[in-house]
Amino acid sequence: VLGPSADGGFYLMGLHRENFDREKFKDLPWQHSMLVSRLVTEF
């Protein structure tokens, strides 16, 4: 579950533990306008 922000990030994320890959997660483009689109592609 994602609550997208107007700037390309998100204000809310709902995540199940089975979808939490610690290494991939920390390497996402945080604080970047491409964050949500990258999450959508990966997930």
PDB file of all heavy atoms in Angstrom:
ATOM      1  N   VAL A   1       0.853  -1.186   0.000  1.00  0.00           N
ATOM      2  CA  VAL A   1       0.000   0.000   0.000  1.00  0.00           C
ATOM      3  C   VAL A   1       0.889   1.236   0.000  1.00  0.00           C
ATOM      4  O   VAL A   1       1.794   1.357   0.832  1.00  0.00           O
ATOM      5  CB  VAL A   1      -0.941   0.026   1.220  1.00  0.00           C
ATOM      6  CG1 VAL A   1      -1.823   1.281   1.183  1.00  0.00           C
ATOM      7  CG2 VAL A   1      -1.815  -1.228   1.249  1.00  0.00           C
ATOM      8  N   LEU A   2       0.629   2.148  -0.921  1.00  0.00           N
ATOM      9  CA  LEU A   2       1.383   3.396  -0.999  1.00  0.00           C
ATOM     10  C   LEU A   2       0.433   4.583  -0.992  1.00  0.00           C
ATOM     11  O   LEU A   2      -0.588   4.574  -1.688  1.00  0.00           O
ATOM     12  CB  LEU A   2       2.231   3.458  -2.272  1.00  0.00           C
ATOM     13  CG  LEU A   2       3.499   2.605  -2.339  1.00  0.00           C
ATOM     14  CD1 LEU A   2       4.155   2.789  -3.703  1.00  0.00           C
ATOM     15  CD2 LEU A   2       4.471   2.982  -1.226  1.00  0.00           C
ATOM     16  N   GLY A   3       0.789   5.601  -0.220  1.00  0.00           N
ATOM     17  CA  GLY A   3       0.122   6.883  -0.287  1.00  0.00           C
ATOM     18  C   GLY A   3       1.074   7.846  -0.972  1.00  0.00           C
ATOM     19  O   GLY A   3       2.002   8.356  -0.330  1.00  0.00           O
ATOM     20  N   PRO A   4       0.929   8.087  -2.263  1.00  0.00           N
ATOM     21  CA  PRO A   4       1.897   8.902  -3.003  1.00  0.00           C
ATOM     22  C   PRO A   4       1.800  10.389  -2.654  1.00  0.00           C
ATOM     23  O   PRO A   4       0.718  10.916  -2.424  1.00  0.00           O
ATOM     24  CB  PRO A   4       1.521   8.663  -4.464  1.00  0.00           C
ATOM     25  CG  PRO A   4       0.059   8.333  -4.422  1.00  0.00           C
ATOM     26  CD  PRO A   4      -0.159   7.589  -3.131  1.00  0.00           C
ATOM     27  N   SER A   5       2.958  11.012  -2.617  1.00  0.00           N
ATOM     28  CA  SER A   5       3.023  12.465  -2.421  1.00  0.00           C
ATOM     29  C   SER A   5       3.145  13.152  -3.772  1.00  0.00           C
ATOM     30  O   SER A   5       3.597  12.549  -4.751  1.00  0.00           O
ATOM     31  CB  SER A   5       4.230  12.840  -1.554  1.00  0.00           C
ATOM     32  OG  SER A   5       4.148  12.243  -0.286  1.00  0.00           O
ATOM     33  N   ALA A   6       2.770  14.408  -3.826  1.00  0.00           N
ATOM     34  CA  ALA A   6       2.802  15.149  -5.086  1.00  0.00           C
ATOM     35  C   ALA A   6       4.217  15.309  -5.631  1.00  0.00           C
ATOM     36  O   ALA A   6       4.401  15.533  -6.828  1.00  0.00           O
ATOM     37  CB  ALA A   6       2.159  16.516  -4.897  1.00  0.00           C
ATOM     38  N   ASP A   7       5.235  15.167  -4.764  1.00  0.00           N
ATOM     39  CA  ASP A   7       6.615  15.363  -5.201  1.00  0.00           C
ATOM     40  C   ASP A   7       7.282  14.090  -5.710  1.00  0.00           C
ATOM     41  O   ASP A   7       8.474  14.081  -6.006  1.00  0.00           O
ATOM     42  CB  ASP A   7       7.451  15.967  -4.073  1.00  0.00           C
ATOM     43  CG  ASP A   7       7.507  15.083  -2.834  1.00  0.00           C
ATOM     44  OD1 ASP A   7       6.968  13.957  -2.862  1.00  0.00           O
ATOM     45  OD2 ASP A   7       8.096  15.519  -1.826  1.00  0.00           O
ATOM     46  N   GLY A   8       6.528  12.987  -5.812  1.00  0.00           N
ATOM     47  CA  GLY A   8       7.097  11.740  -6.318  1.00  0.00           C
ATOM     48  C   GLY A   8       7.503  10.756  -5.243  1.00  0.00           C
ATOM     49  O   GLY A   8       7.879   9.620  -5.557  1.00  0.00           O
ATOM     50  N   GLY A   9       7.442  11.176  -3.979  1.00  0.00           N
ATOM     51  CA  GLY A   9       7.703  10.267  -2.872  1.00  0.00           C
ATOM     52  C   GLY A   9       6.401   9.699  -2.335  1.00  0.00           C
ATOM     53  O   GLY A   9       5.394   9.648  -3.048  1.00  0.00           O
ATOM     54  N   PHE A  10       6.400   9.287  -1.077  1.00  0.00           N
ATOM     55  CA  PHE A  10       5.153   8.807  -0.484  1.00  0.00           C
ATOM     56  C   PHE A  10       5.036   9.290   0.958  1.00  0.00           C
ATOM     57  O   PHE A  10       6.035   9.497   1.645  1.00  0.00           O
ATOM     58  CB  PHE A  10       5.043   7.273  -0.555  1.00  0.00           C
ATOM     59  CG  PHE A  10       6.128   6.511   0.158  1.00  0.00           C
ATOM     60  CD1 PHE A  10       6.124   6.348   1.535  1.00  0.00           C
ATOM     61  CD2 PHE A  10       7.159   5.916  -0.561  1.00  0.00           C
ATOM     62  CE1 PHE A  10       7.107   5.626   2.189  1.00  0.00           C
ATOM     63  CE2 PHE A  10       8.149   5.187   0.073  1.00  0.00           C
ATOM     64  CZ  PHE A  10       8.129   5.048   1.449  1.00  0.00           C
ATOM     65  N   TYR A  11       3.793   9.479   1.386  1.00  0.00           N
ATOM     66  CA  TYR A  11       3.528   9.875   2.764  1.00  0.00           C
ATOM     67  C   TYR A  11       3.154   8.691   3.626  1.00  0.00           C
ATOM     68  O   TYR A  11       3.133   8.789   4.860  1.00  0.00           O
ATOM     69  CB  TYR A  11       2.413  10.931   2.819  1.00  0.00           C
ATOM     70  CG  TYR A  11       1.071  10.465   2.285  1.00  0.00           C
ATOM     71  CD1 TYR A  11       0.166   9.790   3.102  1.00  0.00           C
ATOM     72  CD2 TYR A  11       0.705  10.693   0.961  1.00  0.00           C
ATOM     73  CE1 TYR A  11      -1.066   9.358   2.609  1.00  0.00           C
ATOM     74  CE2 TYR A  11      -0.518  10.266   0.462  1.00  0.00           C
ATOM     75  CZ  TYR A  11      -1.400   9.600   1.289  1.00  0.00           C
ATOM     76  OH  TYR A  11      -2.611   9.167   0.806  1.00  0.00           O
ATOM     77  N   LEU A  12       2.851   7.550   2.997  1.00  0.00           N
ATOM     78  CA  LEU A  12       2.448   6.343   3.723  1.00  0.00           C
ATOM     79  C   LEU A  12       2.879   5.124   2.923  1.00  0.00           C
ATOM     80  O   LEU A  12       2.793   5.113   1.686  1.00  0.00           O
ATOM     81  CB  LEU A  12       0.930   6.329   3.926  1.00  0.00           C
ATOM     82  CG  LEU A  12       0.288   5.131   4.639  1.00  0.00           C
ATOM     83  CD1 LEU A  12      -1.013   5.565   5.329  1.00  0.00           C
ATOM     84  CD2 LEU A  12      -0.017   3.984   3.659  1.00  0.00           C
ATOM     85  N   MET A  13       3.331   4.106   3.647  1.00  0.00           N
ATOM     86  CA  MET A  13       3.625   2.824   3.025  1.00  0.00           C
ATOM     87  C   MET A  13       3.160   1.714   3.953  1.00  0.00           C
ATOM     88  O   MET A  13       3.463   1.719   5.143  1.00  0.00           O
ATOM     89  CB  MET A  13       5.118   2.665   2.744  1.00  0.00           C
ATOM     90  CG  MET A  13       5.476   1.306   2.121  1.00  0.00           C
ATOM     91  SD  MET A  13       7.241   1.140   1.770  1.00  0.00           S
ATOM     92  CE  MET A  13       7.912   1.206   3.440  1.00  0.00           C
ATOM     93  N   GLY A  14       2.420   0.747   3.401  1.00  0.00           N
ATOM     94  CA  GLY A  14       2.014  -0.436   4.139  1.00  0.00           C
ATOM     95  C   GLY A  14       2.751  -1.638   3.575  1.00  0.00           C
ATOM     96  O   GLY A  14       2.591  -1.969   2.396  1.00  0.00           O
ATOM     97  N   LEU A  15       3.561  -2.304   4.409  1.00  0.00           N
ATOM     98  CA  LEU A  15       4.495  -3.314   3.933  1.00  0.00           C
ATOM     99  C   LEU A  15       4.385  -4.590   4.758  1.00  0.00           C
ATOM    100  O   LEU A  15       4.385  -4.544   5.989  1.00  0.00           O
ATOM    101  CB  LEU A  15       5.921  -2.760   4.036  1.00  0.00           C
ATOM    102  CG  LEU A  15       7.082  -3.639   3.575  1.00  0.00           C
ATOM    103  CD1 LEU A  15       7.059  -3.812   2.061  1.00  0.00           C
ATOM    104  CD2 LEU A  15       8.405  -2.991   4.009  1.00  0.00           C
ATOM    105  N   HIS A  16       4.287  -5.743   4.079  1.00  0.00           N
ATOM    106  CA  HIS A  16       4.307  -7.041   4.753  1.00  0.00           C
ATOM    107  C   HIS A  16       5.763  -7.495   4.899  1.00  0.00           C
ATOM    108  O   HIS A  16       6.592  -7.231   4.027  1.00  0.00           O
ATOM    109  CB  HIS A  16       3.516  -8.072   3.947  1.00  0.00           C
ATOM    110  CG  HIS A  16       3.262  -9.354   4.679  1.00  0.00           C
ATOM    111  ND1 HIS A  16       4.220 -10.341   4.801  1.00  0.00           N
ATOM    112  CD2 HIS A  16       2.173  -9.809   5.351  1.00  0.00           C
ATOM    113  CE1 HIS A  16       3.731 -11.352   5.501  1.00  0.00           C
ATOM    114  NE2 HIS A  16       2.493 -11.051   5.850  1.00  0.00           N
ATOM    115  N   ARG A  17       6.057  -8.202   5.984  1.00  0.00           N
ATOM    116  CA  ARG A  17       7.438  -8.585   6.260  1.00  0.00           C
ATOM    117  C   ARG A  17       8.042  -9.445   5.139  1.00  0.00           C
ATOM    118  O   ARG A  17       9.240  -9.381   4.883  1.00  0.00           O
ATOM    119  CB  ARG A  17       7.570  -9.310   7.599  1.00  0.00           C
ATOM    120  CG  ARG A  17       6.956 -10.669   7.665  1.00  0.00           C
ATOM    121  CD  ARG A  17       7.534 -11.509   8.804  1.00  0.00           C
ATOM    122  NE  ARG A  17       7.408 -10.915  10.115  1.00  0.00           N
ATOM    123  CZ  ARG A  17       8.450 -10.567  10.871  1.00  0.00           C
ATOM    124  NH1 ARG A  17       9.689 -10.735  10.434  1.00  0.00           N
ATOM    125  NH2 ARG A  17       8.252 -10.062  12.072  1.00  0.00           N
ATOM    126  N   GLU A  18       7.234 -10.242   4.439  1.00  0.00           N
ATOM    127  CA  GLU A  18       7.759 -11.102   3.383  1.00  0.00           C
ATOM    128  C   GLU A  18       8.219 -10.309   2.162  1.00  0.00           C
ATOM    129  O   GLU A  18       8.943 -10.834   1.313  1.00  0.00           O
ATOM    130  CB  GLU A  18       6.719 -12.147   2.971  1.00  0.00           C
ATOM    131  CG  GLU A  18       6.484 -13.215   4.026  1.00  0.00           C
ATOM    132  CD  GLU A  18       5.782 -14.433   3.457  1.00  0.00           C
ATOM    133  OE1 GLU A  18       5.643 -14.529   2.218  1.00  0.00           O
ATOM    134  OE2 GLU A  18       5.376 -15.286   4.265  1.00  0.00           O
ATOM    135  N   ASN A  19       7.816  -9.058   2.075  1.00  0.00           N
ATOM    136  CA  ASN A  19       8.221  -8.205   0.960  1.00  0.00           C
ATOM    137  C   ASN A  19       9.303  -7.208   1.353  1.00  0.00           C
ATOM    138  O   ASN A  19       9.604  -6.286   0.596  1.00  0.00           O
ATOM    139  CB  ASN A  19       7.006  -7.460   0.406  1.00  0.00           C
ATOM    140  CG  ASN A  19       5.971  -8.405  -0.147  1.00  0.00           C
ATOM    141  OD1 ASN A  19       6.292  -9.339  -0.859  1.00  0.00           O
ATOM    142  ND2 ASN A  19       4.711  -8.174   0.195  1.00  0.00           N
ATOM    143  N   PHE A  20       9.886  -7.404   2.514  1.00  0.00           N
ATOM    144  CA  PHE A  20      10.910  -6.480   3.006  1.00  0.00           C
ATOM    145  C   PHE A  20      12.285  -7.089   2.798  1.00  0.00           C
ATOM    146  O   PHE A  20      12.719  -7.958   3.539  1.00  0.00           O
ATOM    147  CB  PHE A  20      10.662  -6.178   4.485  1.00  0.00           C
ATOM    148  CG  PHE A  20      11.667  -5.235   5.093  1.00  0.00           C
ATOM    149  CD1 PHE A  20      11.809  -3.949   4.606  1.00  0.00           C
ATOM    150  CD2 PHE A  20      12.470  -5.641   6.151  1.00  0.00           C
ATOM    151  CE1 PHE A  20      12.724  -3.066   5.167  1.00  0.00           C
ATOM    152  CE2 PHE A  20      13.386  -4.776   6.726  1.00  0.00           C
ATOM    153  CZ  PHE A  20      13.522  -3.483   6.232  1.00  0.00           C
ATOM    154  N   ASP A  21      12.965  -6.629   1.753  1.00  0.00           N
ATOM    155  CA  ASP A  21      14.346  -7.023   1.493  1.00  0.00           C
ATOM    156  C   ASP A  21      15.236  -5.889   1.982  1.00  0.00           C
ATOM    157  O   ASP A  21      15.333  -4.835   1.346  1.00  0.00           O
ATOM    158  CB  ASP A  21      14.548  -7.274  -0.005  1.00  0.00           C
ATOM    159  CG  ASP A  21      15.939  -7.798  -0.338  1.00  0.00           C
ATOM    160  OD1 ASP A  21      16.926  -7.300   0.243  1.00  0.00           O
ATOM    161  OD2 ASP A  21      16.037  -8.701  -1.184  1.00  0.00           O
ATOM    162  N   ARG A  22      15.886  -6.103   3.093  1.00  0.00           N
ATOM    163  CA  ARG A  22      16.619  -5.035   3.765  1.00  0.00           C
ATOM    164  C   ARG A  22      17.642  -4.348   2.852  1.00  0.00           C
ATOM    165  O   ARG A  22      17.715  -3.120   2.787  1.00  0.00           O
ATOM    166  CB  ARG A  22      17.316  -5.618   4.997  1.00  0.00           C
ATOM    167  CG  ARG A  22      18.062  -4.610   5.840  1.00  0.00           C
ATOM    168  CD  ARG A  22      18.836  -5.307   6.939  1.00  0.00           C
ATOM    169  NE  ARG A  22      19.569  -4.361   7.731  1.00  0.00           N
ATOM    170  CZ  ARG A  22      19.119  -3.802   8.841  1.00  0.00           C
ATOM    171  NH1 ARG A  22      17.931  -4.128   9.294  1.00  0.00           N
ATOM    172  NH2 ARG A  22      19.842  -2.940   9.511  1.00  0.00           N
ATOM    173  N   GLU A  23      18.429  -5.131   2.119  1.00  0.00           N
ATOM    174  CA  GLU A  23      19.493  -4.552   1.298  1.00  0.00           C
ATOM    175  C   GLU A  23      18.929  -3.779   0.113  1.00  0.00           C
ATOM    176  O   GLU A  23      19.373  -2.676  -0.190  1.00  0.00           O
ATOM    177  CB  GLU A  23      20.439  -5.658   0.825  1.00  0.00           C
ATOM    178  CG  GLU A  23      21.236  -6.300   1.946  1.00  0.00           C
ATOM    179  CD  GLU A  23      22.008  -5.283   2.777  1.00  0.00           C
ATOM    180  OE1 GLU A  23      22.677  -4.412   2.174  1.00  0.00           O
ATOM    181  OE2 GLU A  23      21.935  -5.351   4.012  1.00  0.00           O
ATOM    182  N   LYS A  24      17.951  -4.362  -0.573  1.00  0.00           N
ATOM    183  CA  LYS A  24      17.345  -3.652  -1.705  1.00  0.00           C
ATOM    184  C   LYS A  24      16.605  -2.406  -1.239  1.00  0.00           C
ATOM    185  O   LYS A  24      16.611  -1.371  -1.915  1.00  0.00           O
ATOM    186  CB  LYS A  24      16.385  -4.581  -2.445  1.00  0.00           C
ATOM    187  CG  LYS A  24      17.054  -5.670  -3.256  1.00  0.00           C
ATOM    188  CD  LYS A  24      16.027  -6.476  -4.032  1.00  0.00           C
ATOM    189  CE  LYS A  24      16.688  -7.545  -4.890  1.00  0.00           C
ATOM    190  NZ  LYS A  24      15.697  -8.343  -5.653  1.00  0.00           N
ATOM    191  N   PHE A  25      16.000  -2.508  -0.074  1.00  0.00           N
ATOM    192  CA  PHE A  25      15.184  -1.411   0.417  1.00  0.00           C
ATOM    193  C   PHE A  25      16.020  -0.171   0.717  1.00  0.00           C
ATOM    194  O   PHE A  25      15.658   0.943   0.340  1.00  0.00           O
ATOM    195  CB  PHE A  25      14.437  -1.861   1.667  1.00  0.00           C
ATOM    196  CG  PHE A  25      13.196  -1.079   1.961  1.00  0.00           C
ATOM    197  CD1 PHE A  25      12.031  -1.291   1.232  1.00  0.00           C
ATOM    198  CD2 PHE A  25      13.181  -0.118   2.951  1.00  0.00           C
ATOM    199  CE1 PHE A  25      10.891  -0.552   1.484  1.00  0.00           C
ATOM    200  CE2 PHE A  25      12.052   0.620   3.220  1.00  0.00           C
ATOM    201  CZ  PHE A  25      10.901   0.402   2.479  1.00  0.00           C
ATOM    202  N   LYS A  26      17.137  -0.363   1.386  1.00  0.00           N
ATOM    203  CA  LYS A  26      17.935   0.810   1.766  1.00  0.00           C
ATOM    204  C   LYS A  26      18.604   1.474   0.567  1.00  0.00           C
ATOM    205  O   LYS A  26      19.015   2.635   0.639  1.00  0.00           O
ATOM    206  CB  LYS A  26      18.983   0.436   2.808  1.00  0.00           C
ATOM    207  CG  LYS A  26      20.133  -0.405   2.312  1.00  0.00           C
ATOM    208  CD  LYS A  26      21.115  -0.675   3.446  1.00  0.00           C
ATOM    209  CE  LYS A  26      22.311  -1.482   2.959  1.00  0.00           C
ATOM    210  NZ  LYS A  26      23.259  -1.758   4.071  1.00  0.00           N
ATOM    211  N   ASP A  27      18.680   0.740  -0.565  1.00  0.00           N
ATOM    212  CA  ASP A  27      19.312   1.302  -1.753  1.00  0.00           C
ATOM    213  C   ASP A  27      18.325   1.958  -2.718  1.00  0.00           C
ATOM    214  O   ASP A  27      18.715   2.383  -3.807  1.00  0.00           O
ATOM    215  CB  ASP A  27      20.083   0.199  -2.496  1.00  0.00           C
ATOM    216  CG  ASP A  27      21.316  -0.258  -1.728  1.00  0.00           C
ATOM    217  OD1 ASP A  27      21.855   0.551  -0.952  1.00  0.00           O
ATOM    218  OD2 ASP A  27      21.735  -1.414  -1.892  1.00  0.00           O
ATOM    219  N   LEU A  28      17.063   2.049  -2.331  1.00  0.00           N
ATOM    220  CA  LEU A  28      16.083   2.744  -3.168  1.00  0.00           C
ATOM    221  C   LEU A  28      16.421   4.237  -3.230  1.00  0.00           C
ATOM    222  O   LEU A  28      17.124   4.758  -2.354  1.00  0.00           O
ATOM    223  CB  LEU A  28      14.678   2.542  -2.600  1.00  0.00           C
ATOM    224  CG  LEU A  28      14.067   1.154  -2.777  1.00  0.00           C
ATOM    225  CD1 LEU A  28      12.799   1.020  -1.920  1.00  0.00           C
ATOM    226  CD2 LEU A  28      13.751   0.881  -4.240  1.00  0.00           C
ATOM    227  N   PRO A  29      15.941   4.964  -4.250  1.00  0.00           N
ATOM    228  CA  PRO A  29      16.264   6.394  -4.382  1.00  0.00           C
ATOM    229  C   PRO A  29      15.460   7.266  -3.405  1.00  0.00           C
ATOM    230  O   PRO A  29      14.558   8.017  -3.795  1.00  0.00           O
ATOM    231  CB  PRO A  29      15.899   6.690  -5.838  1.00  0.00           C
ATOM    232  CG  PRO A  29      14.799   5.736  -6.156  1.00  0.00           C
ATOM    233  CD  PRO A  29      15.147   4.472  -5.409  1.00  0.00           C
ATOM    234  N   TRP A  30      15.794   7.146  -2.153  1.00  0.00           N
ATOM    235  CA  TRP A  30      15.071   7.886  -1.122  1.00  0.00           C
ATOM    236  C   TRP A  30      15.246   9.379  -1.317  1.00  0.00           C
ATOM    237  O   TRP A  30      16.292   9.844  -1.742  1.00  0.00           O
ATOM    238  CB  TRP A  30      15.562   7.470   0.271  1.00  0.00           C
ATOM    239  CG  TRP A  30      15.304   6.023   0.541  1.00  0.00           C
ATOM    240  CD1 TRP A  30      16.216   5.011   0.564  1.00  0.00           C
ATOM    241  CD2 TRP A  30      14.031   5.422   0.792  1.00  0.00           C
ATOM    242  NE1 TRP A  30      15.599   3.821   0.807  1.00  0.00           N
ATOM    243  CE2 TRP A  30      14.258   4.041   0.950  1.00  0.00           C
ATOM    244  CE3 TRP A  30      12.735   5.913   0.893  1.00  0.00           C
ATOM    245  CZ2 TRP A  30      13.233   3.149   1.209  1.00  0.00           C
ATOM    246  CZ3 TRP A  30      11.702   5.028   1.143  1.00  0.00           C
ATOM    247  CH2 TRP A  30      11.950   3.656   1.301  1.00  0.00           C
ATOM    248  N   GLN A  31      14.192  10.121  -0.963  1.00  0.00           N
ATOM    249  CA  GLN A  31      14.180  11.578  -1.071  1.00  0.00           C
ATOM    250  C   GLN A  31      14.437  12.035  -2.515  1.00  0.00           C
ATOM    251  O   GLN A  31      15.067  13.054  -2.756  1.00  0.00           O
ATOM    252  CB  GLN A  31      15.200  12.191  -0.102  1.00  0.00           C
ATOM    253  CG  GLN A  31      14.886  11.847   1.352  1.00  0.00           C
ATOM    254  CD  GLN A  31      15.894  12.383   2.339  1.00  0.00           C
ATOM    255  OE1 GLN A  31      17.089  12.114   2.211  1.00  0.00           O
ATOM    256  NE2 GLN A  31      15.432  13.150   3.308  1.00  0.00           N
ATOM    257  N   HIS A  32      13.915  11.251  -3.455  1.00  0.00           N
ATOM    258  CA  HIS A  32      14.053  11.555  -4.878  1.00  0.00           C
ATOM    259  C   HIS A  32      12.678  11.442  -5.527  1.00  0.00           C
ATOM    260  O   HIS A  32      11.839  10.634  -5.112  1.00  0.00           O
ATOM    261  CB  HIS A  32      15.030  10.574  -5.530  1.00  0.00           C
ATOM    262  CG  HIS A  32      15.449  10.946  -6.917  1.00  0.00           C
ATOM    263  ND1 HIS A  32      14.650  10.695  -8.021  1.00  0.00           N
ATOM    264  CD2 HIS A  32      16.566  11.554  -7.396  1.00  0.00           C
ATOM    265  CE1 HIS A  32      15.266  11.135  -9.108  1.00  0.00           C
ATOM    266  NE2 HIS A  32      16.425  11.651  -8.762  1.00  0.00           N
ATOM    267  N   SER A  33      12.452  12.226  -6.565  1.00  0.00           N
ATOM    268  CA  SER A  33      11.140  12.248  -7.215  1.00  0.00           C
ATOM    269  C   SER A  33      10.793  10.939  -7.913  1.00  0.00           C
ATOM    270  O   SER A  33       9.644  10.721  -8.283  1.00  0.00           O
ATOM    271  CB  SER A  33      11.083  13.398  -8.225  1.00  0.00           C
ATOM    272  OG  SER A  33      12.060  13.222  -9.240  1.00  0.00           O
ATOM    273  N   MET A  34      11.785  10.045  -8.099  1.00  0.00           N
ATOM    274  CA  MET A  34      11.548   8.776  -8.772  1.00  0.00           C
ATOM    275  C   MET A  34      11.254   7.640  -7.794  1.00  0.00           C
ATOM    276  O   MET A  34      11.135   6.483  -8.219  1.00  0.00           O
ATOM    277  CB  MET A  34      12.768   8.398  -9.626  1.00  0.00           C
ATOM    278  CG  MET A  34      13.069   9.372 -10.743  1.00  0.00           C
ATOM    279  SD  MET A  34      11.700   9.485 -11.934  1.00  0.00           S
ATOM    280  CE  MET A  34      11.735   7.837 -12.635  1.00  0.00           C
ATOM    281  N   LEU A  35      11.103   7.938  -6.505  1.00  0.00           N
ATOM    282  CA  LEU A  35      10.964   6.879  -5.511  1.00  0.00           C
ATOM    283  C   LEU A  35       9.755   5.993  -5.753  1.00  0.00           C
ATOM    284  O   LEU A  35       9.862   4.766  -5.794  1.00  0.00           O
ATOM    285  CB  LEU A  35      10.895   7.486  -4.103  1.00  0.00           C
ATOM    286  CG  LEU A  35      10.655   6.495  -2.962  1.00  0.00           C
ATOM    287  CD1 LEU A  35      11.748   5.436  -2.921  1.00  0.00           C
ATOM    288  CD2 LEU A  35      10.556   7.227  -1.632  1.00  0.00           C
ATOM    289  N   VAL A  36       8.572   6.589  -5.906  1.00  0.00           N
ATOM    290  CA  VAL A  36       7.359   5.778  -6.060  1.00  0.00           C
ATOM    291  C   VAL A  36       7.403   4.970  -7.350  1.00  0.00           C
ATOM    292  O   VAL A  36       7.062   3.775  -7.358  1.00  0.00           O
ATOM    293  CB  VAL A  36       6.097   6.668  -6.017  1.00  0.00           C
ATOM    294  CG1 VAL A  36       4.880   5.901  -6.534  1.00  0.00           C
ATOM    295  CG2 VAL A  36       5.840   7.126  -4.591  1.00  0.00           C
ATOM    296  N   SER A  37       7.848   5.578  -8.455  1.00  0.00           N
ATOM    297  CA  SER A  37       7.905   4.834  -9.707  1.00  0.00           C
ATOM    298  C   SER A  37       8.881   3.669  -9.612  1.00  0.00           C
ATOM    299  O   SER A  37       8.637   2.586 -10.160  1.00  0.00           O
ATOM    300  CB  SER A  37       8.297   5.759 -10.866  1.00  0.00           C
ATOM    301  OG  SER A  37       9.580   6.318 -10.667  1.00  0.00           O
ATOM    302  N   ARG A  38       9.961   3.842  -8.876  1.00  0.00           N
ATOM    303  CA  ARG A  38      10.920   2.741  -8.675  1.00  0.00           C
ATOM    304  C   ARG A  38      10.298   1.637  -7.824  1.00  0.00           C
ATOM    305  O   ARG A  38      10.465   0.438  -8.128  1.00  0.00           O
ATOM    306  CB  ARG A  38      12.180   3.293  -8.012  1.00  0.00           C
ATOM    307  CG  ARG A  38      13.206   2.253  -7.599  1.00  0.00           C
ATOM    308  CD  ARG A  38      14.005   1.672  -8.748  1.00  0.00           C
ATOM    309  NE  ARG A  38      15.025   0.774  -8.239  1.00  0.00           N
ATOM    310  CZ  ARG A  38      16.223   1.186  -7.833  1.00  0.00           C
ATOM    311  NH1 ARG A  38      16.560   2.477  -7.904  1.00  0.00           N
ATOM    312  NH2 ARG A  38      17.102   0.325  -7.380  1.00  0.00           N
ATOM    313  N   LEU A  39       9.592   2.014  -6.779  1.00  0.00           N
ATOM    314  CA  LEU A  39       8.922   1.022  -5.947  1.00  0.00           C
ATOM    315  C   LEU A  39       7.887   0.236  -6.747  1.00  0.00           C
ATOM    316  O   LEU A  39       7.778  -0.988  -6.606  1.00  0.00           O
ATOM    317  CB  LEU A  39       8.249   1.706  -4.751  1.00  0.00           C
ATOM    318  CG  LEU A  39       9.063   1.870  -3.472  1.00  0.00           C
ATOM    319  CD1 LEU A  39       8.313   2.759  -2.492  1.00  0.00           C
ATOM    320  CD2 LEU A  39       9.376   0.521  -2.844  1.00  0.00           C
ATOM    321  N   VAL A  40       7.139   0.932  -7.559  1.00  0.00           N
ATOM    322  CA  VAL A  40       6.132   0.271  -8.383  1.00  0.00           C
ATOM    323  C   VAL A  40       6.799  -0.740  -9.313  1.00  0.00           C
ATOM    324  O   VAL A  40       6.338  -1.882  -9.463  1.00  0.00           O
ATOM    325  CB  VAL A  40       5.324   1.305  -9.199  1.00  0.00           C
ATOM    326  CG1 VAL A  40       4.457   0.618 -10.235  1.00  0.00           C
ATOM    327  CG2 VAL A  40       4.469   2.151  -8.265  1.00  0.00           C
ATOM    328  N   THR A  41       7.901  -0.344  -9.941  1.00  0.00           N
ATOM    329  CA  THR A  41       8.615  -1.242 -10.847  1.00  0.00           C
ATOM    330  C   THR A  41       9.140  -2.469 -10.110  1.00  0.00           C
ATOM    331  O   THR A  41       8.983  -3.608 -10.575  1.00  0.00           O
ATOM    332  CB  THR A  41       9.787  -0.512 -11.523  1.00  0.00           C
ATOM    333  OG1 THR A  41       9.283   0.594 -12.273  1.00  0.00           O
ATOM    334  CG2 THR A  41      10.550  -1.446 -12.441  1.00  0.00           C
ATOM    335  N   GLU A  42       9.770  -2.248  -8.951  1.00  0.00           N
ATOM    336  CA  GLU A  42      10.363  -3.350  -8.201  1.00  0.00           C
ATOM    337  C   GLU A  42       9.297  -4.292  -7.659  1.00  0.00           C
ATOM    338  O   GLU A  42       9.452  -5.515  -7.701  1.00  0.00           O
ATOM    339  CB  GLU A  42      11.193  -2.793  -7.039  1.00  0.00           C
ATOM    340  CG  GLU A  42      12.438  -2.021  -7.447  1.00  0.00           C
ATOM    341  CD  GLU A  42      13.581  -2.933  -7.834  1.00  0.00           C
ATOM    342  OE1 GLU A  42      13.515  -4.138  -7.538  1.00  0.00           O
ATOM    343  OE2 GLU A  42      14.551  -2.423  -8.440  1.00  0.00           O
ATOM    344  N   PHE A  43       8.216  -3.728  -7.132  1.00  0.00           N
ATOM    345  CA  PHE A  43       7.256  -4.552  -6.405  1.00  0.00           C
ATOM    346  C   PHE A  43       6.336  -5.334  -7.320  1.00  0.00           C
ATOM    347  O   PHE A  43       5.881  -6.428  -6.973  1.00  0.00           O
ATOM    348  CB  PHE A  43       6.416  -3.682  -5.462  1.00  0.00           C
ATOM    349  CG  PHE A  43       5.643  -4.486  -4.453  1.00  0.00           C
ATOM    350  CD1 PHE A  43       6.255  -4.961  -3.306  1.00  0.00           C
ATOM    351  CD2 PHE A  43       4.310  -4.797  -4.664  1.00  0.00           C
ATOM    352  CE1 PHE A  43       5.556  -5.724  -2.386  1.00  0.00           C
ATOM    353  CE2 PHE A  43       3.590  -5.554  -3.755  1.00  0.00           C
ATOM    354  CZ  PHE A  43       4.219  -6.014  -2.601  1.00  0.00           C
TER     355      PHE A  43
END
